[in-house]
């Protein structure tokens, strides 16, 4: 069961990194101004993906540290 949890944290890290990359690329290559509500949702997605990335990295490191 513990090995499965470690794999899930790695998947979370990869997923959050992908979302961050996609959102930052999408914002930086926009050719026209977006509505304020959409920009708020995009920045919220970036913030949550960053939080998930950091949390996943911490939990992945914690799992590796406890295994020795």
Protein backbone atom coordinates (compact mmCIF):
# COMPACT_ATOMS: atom_id res chain seq x y z
CA UNK A 1 0.00 0.00 0.00
CA UNK A 2 2.84 2.41 0.82
CA UNK A 3 4.47 1.86 -2.58
CA UNK A 4 1.22 2.81 -4.30
CA UNK A 5 1.07 6.10 -2.40
CA UNK A 6 4.61 7.00 -3.45
CA UNK A 7 3.71 6.41 -7.09
CA UNK A 8 0.66 8.66 -6.71
CA UNK A 9 2.80 11.54 -5.44
CA UNK A 10 5.05 11.22 -8.46
CA UNK A 11 2.01 11.31 -10.72
CA UNK A 12 0.75 14.42 -8.91
CA UNK A 13 4.10 16.15 -9.41
CA UNK A 14 4.11 15.33 -13.12
CA UNK A 15 0.49 16.41 -13.55
CA UNK A 16 0.96 19.72 -11.73
CA UNK A 17 4.15 20.48 -13.67
CA UNK A 18 2.29 19.85 -16.91
CA UNK A 19 -0.59 22.11 -15.92
CA UNK A 20 1.81 24.86 -14.84
CA UNK A 21 3.71 24.67 -18.11
CA UNK A 22 0.52 24.68 -20.17
CA UNK A 23 -1.06 27.61 -18.28
CA UNK A 24 2.07 29.77 -18.33
CA UNK A 25 2.55 29.08 -22.04
CA UNK A 26 -1.11 29.88 -22.71
CA UNK A 27 -0.93 33.21 -20.87
CA UNK A 28 2.40 34.23 -22.38
CA UNK A 29 1.35 33.54 -25.97
CA UNK A 30 -2.08 35.18 -25.80
CA UNK A 31 -2.60 37.57 -28.70
CA UNK A 32 -5.57 39.44 -27.26
CA UNK A 33 -6.70 40.55 -23.82
CA UNK A 34 -8.90 38.11 -21.98
CA UNK A 35 -11.85 38.96 -19.76
CA UNK A 36 -10.95 39.62 -16.15
CA UNK A 37 -12.93 36.62 -14.87
CA UNK A 38 -11.05 34.25 -17.18
CA UNK A 39 -7.69 35.68 -16.15
CA UNK A 40 -8.67 35.24 -12.50
CA UNK A 41 -9.47 31.58 -13.14
CA UNK A 42 -6.19 31.07 -14.99
CA UNK A 43 -4.14 32.62 -12.19
CA UNK A 44 -6.09 30.56 -9.67
CA UNK A 45 -5.25 27.41 -11.66
CA UNK A 46 -1.58 28.40 -11.73
CA UNK A 47 -1.57 28.99 -7.98
CA UNK A 48 -3.27 25.69 -7.21
CA UNK A 49 -1.01 23.78 -9.60
CA UNK A 50 2.05 25.35 -7.96
CA UNK A 51 0.73 24.45 -4.52
CA UNK A 52 0.10 20.89 -5.68
CA UNK A 53 3.57 20.68 -7.22
CA UNK A 54 5.28 21.84 -4.03
CA UNK A 55 3.11 19.60 -1.87
CA UNK A 56 3.75 16.62 -4.11
CA UNK A 57 7.50 17.21 -4.05
CA UNK A 58 7.48 17.48 -0.26
CA UNK A 59 5.45 14.31 0.15
CA UNK A 60 7.61 12.49 -2.41
CA UNK A 61 10.77 13.56 -0.56
CA UNK A 62 9.23 12.64 2.78
CA UNK A 63 8.36 9.18 1.46
CA UNK A 64 11.88 8.68 0.12
CA UNK A 65 13.40 9.89 3.39
CA UNK A 66 11.38 7.47 5.52
CA UNK A 67 12.29 4.49 3.33
CA UNK A 68 15.97 5.16 3.87
